[in-house]
Protein backbone atom coordinates (compact mmCIF):
# COMPACT_ATOMS: atom_id res chain seq x y z
CA MET A 1 -1.72 -3.77 -0.05
CA ASN A 2 1.14 -1.34 0.23
CA ILE A 3 4.77 -0.66 -0.48
CA GLN A 4 6.82 1.56 1.80
CA THR A 5 9.87 3.72 1.37
CA LEU A 6 11.84 4.47 4.52
CA ALA A 7 14.41 7.07 5.49
CA ILE A 8 16.71 5.36 7.99
CA ASP A 9 19.73 6.98 9.65
CA LYS A 10 23.06 5.24 10.29
CA ASN A 11 21.87 4.10 13.75
CA GLY A 12 18.83 2.32 12.30
CA LYS A 13 16.34 4.96 13.43
CA VAL A 14 13.47 5.37 10.99
CA LEU A 15 13.16 9.08 10.30
CA GLU A 16 10.28 8.88 7.85
CA ILE A 17 8.04 6.30 6.19
CA ARG A 18 6.00 6.85 3.02
CA VAL A 19 3.25 4.32 2.46
CA PHE A 20 1.87 3.68 -1.03
CA GLU A 21 -1.45 1.86 -1.20
CA PHE A 22 -2.13 -0.20 -4.32
CA SER A 23 -5.00 -2.30 -5.57
CA ASP A 24 -4.77 -6.01 -4.78
CA ASP A 25 -4.43 -6.73 -8.53
CA LEU A 26 -1.40 -4.47 -8.91
CA PHE A 27 0.22 -5.75 -5.73
CA LEU A 28 -0.22 -9.31 -7.02
CA HIS A 29 1.28 -8.26 -10.36
CA PHE A 30 4.31 -6.78 -8.56
CA ALA A 31 4.71 -9.96 -6.49
CA LYS A 32 4.85 -12.10 -9.66
CA SER A 33 6.90 -9.72 -11.80
CA GLU A 34 10.47 -8.52 -12.11
CA PHE A 35 9.65 -5.98 -9.37
CA SER A 36 9.85 -8.75 -6.76
CA LYS A 37 13.31 -9.79 -7.99
CA LEU A 38 14.97 -6.37 -7.95
CA GLY A 39 17.31 -5.83 -5.03
CA VAL A 40 17.63 -8.21 -2.11
CA SER A 41 15.30 -8.10 0.89
CA VAL A 42 17.43 -8.42 4.02
CA LYS A 43 16.36 -8.58 7.65
CA THR A 44 17.23 -5.14 8.92
CA SER A 45 17.12 -3.91 12.52
CA VAL A 46 15.28 -0.61 12.74
CA VAL A 47 13.93 1.65 15.47
CA ILE A 48 10.41 2.99 14.94
CA ASP A 49 8.97 5.16 17.73
CA GLU A 50 11.64 3.83 20.12
CA GLU A 51 10.64 0.22 19.37
CA HIS A 52 13.31 -2.12 17.99
CA LEU A 53 12.02 -4.20 15.08
CA GLU A 54 13.36 -6.44 12.34
CA GLN A 55 11.97 -5.91 8.87
CA LYS A 56 12.86 -7.38 5.50
CA LEU A 57 14.00 -4.32 3.54
CA VAL A 58 15.76 -3.60 0.27
CA GLN A 59 18.57 -1.07 0.58
CA LEU A 60 18.24 1.53 -2.18
CA SER A 61 21.73 1.66 -3.64
CA PRO A 62 22.14 3.76 -6.81
CA PHE A 63 21.89 0.63 -9.01
CA VAL A 64 18.79 -0.68 -7.21
CA ARG A 65 17.15 2.77 -7.36
CA GLN A 66 17.73 2.92 -11.10
CA ALA A 67 16.40 -0.62 -11.61
CA PHE A 68 13.21 -0.02 -9.58
CA ALA A 69 12.57 3.38 -11.17
CA GLY A 70 13.14 2.02 -14.69
CA TYR A 71 10.81 -0.92 -14.09
CA LEU A 72 8.08 1.31 -12.63
CA LYS A 73 8.33 3.89 -15.43
CA ASP A 74 8.00 1.19 -18.09
CA TYR A 75 5.10 -0.39 -16.22
CA LEU A 76 3.40 2.99 -15.77
CA VAL A 77 3.39 3.57 -19.54
CA ASP A 78 1.85 0.12 -20.14
CA LEU A 79 -0.72 0.59 -17.35
CA LEU A 80 -1.69 4.01 -18.66
CA LYS A 81 -2.25 2.67 -22.16
CA GLU A 82 -4.26 -0.30 -20.85
CA SER A 83 -6.36 1.91 -18.55
CA LEU A 84 -7.19 4.39 -21.32
CA GLU A 85 -8.25 1.54 -23.60
CA LYS A 86 -10.50 0.03 -20.90
CA MET A 87 -12.11 3.38 -20.09
CA GLY A 88 -12.96 4.21 -23.68
CA SER A 89 -14.05 7.69 -24.74
CA SER A 90 -16.66 8.33 -22.05
CA PRO A 91 -16.01 6.37 -18.85
CA SER A 92 -18.40 6.50 -15.93
CA LYS A 93 -17.15 7.97 -12.67
CA ILE A 94 -16.81 4.46 -11.23
CA GLU A 95 -14.82 3.22 -14.24
CA TYR A 96 -12.56 6.28 -14.06
CA GLN A 97 -11.87 5.71 -10.37
CA GLU A 98 -11.27 1.98 -10.87
CA TYR A 99 -8.83 2.40 -13.76
CA THR A 100 -6.86 5.35 -12.35
CA VAL A 101 -6.39 4.37 -8.70
CA ASP A 102 -2.91 2.85 -9.27
CA LEU A 103 -1.96 5.43 -11.91
CA LYS A 104 -2.14 8.15 -9.27
CA VAL A 105 0.20 6.39 -6.83
CA ILE A 106 2.99 5.02 -9.04
CA PRO A 107 4.54 8.44 -9.94
CA ASP A 108 4.90 9.32 -6.24
CA LEU A 109 6.54 5.96 -5.55
CA ILE A 110 8.98 6.55 -8.41
CA ARG A 111 9.91 9.99 -7.01
CA CYS A 112 10.58 8.54 -3.56
CA ILE A 113 12.69 5.73 -4.95
CA GLU A 114 14.73 8.24 -6.95
CA SER A 115 15.19 10.51 -3.91
CA ASN A 116 18.34 9.94 -1.87
CA LYS A 117 16.28 10.84 1.21
CA TYR A 118 14.78 7.35 1.24
CA THR A 119 17.31 4.62 1.96
CA HIS A 120 15.18 1.47 2.00
CA LEU A 121 12.09 -0.08 0.45
CA ASN A 122 9.66 -2.53 2.01
CA ARG A 123 7.80 -4.19 -0.83
CA MET A 124 5.72 -6.48 1.39
CA GLY A 125 3.96 -3.88 3.56
């Protein structure tokens, strides 16, 4: 499952899309958590590769950016602690990969949300 940040100009043209792939467990957590309640998803007309589409997007106003970033930073701390506890002192390669997959992606998502370059978020990608 993924979440996307989009850079959209004033004419609705999508200039850039960043796609963040998450485990199904984390995506399900986001869907049931405060993350799903932040901002309002609104049908938005966009142009991607000269094709007109309607997508349900959250506009990243300063308040919404701060709320998403704050939620994700708090969650990242909790996830890091939980992952380190599960891995123990000598995790196998498979355990390490399993418990760090989402930890690697969340910081990049936070940076995009905090960047004024990205104007919208699609949390149901």
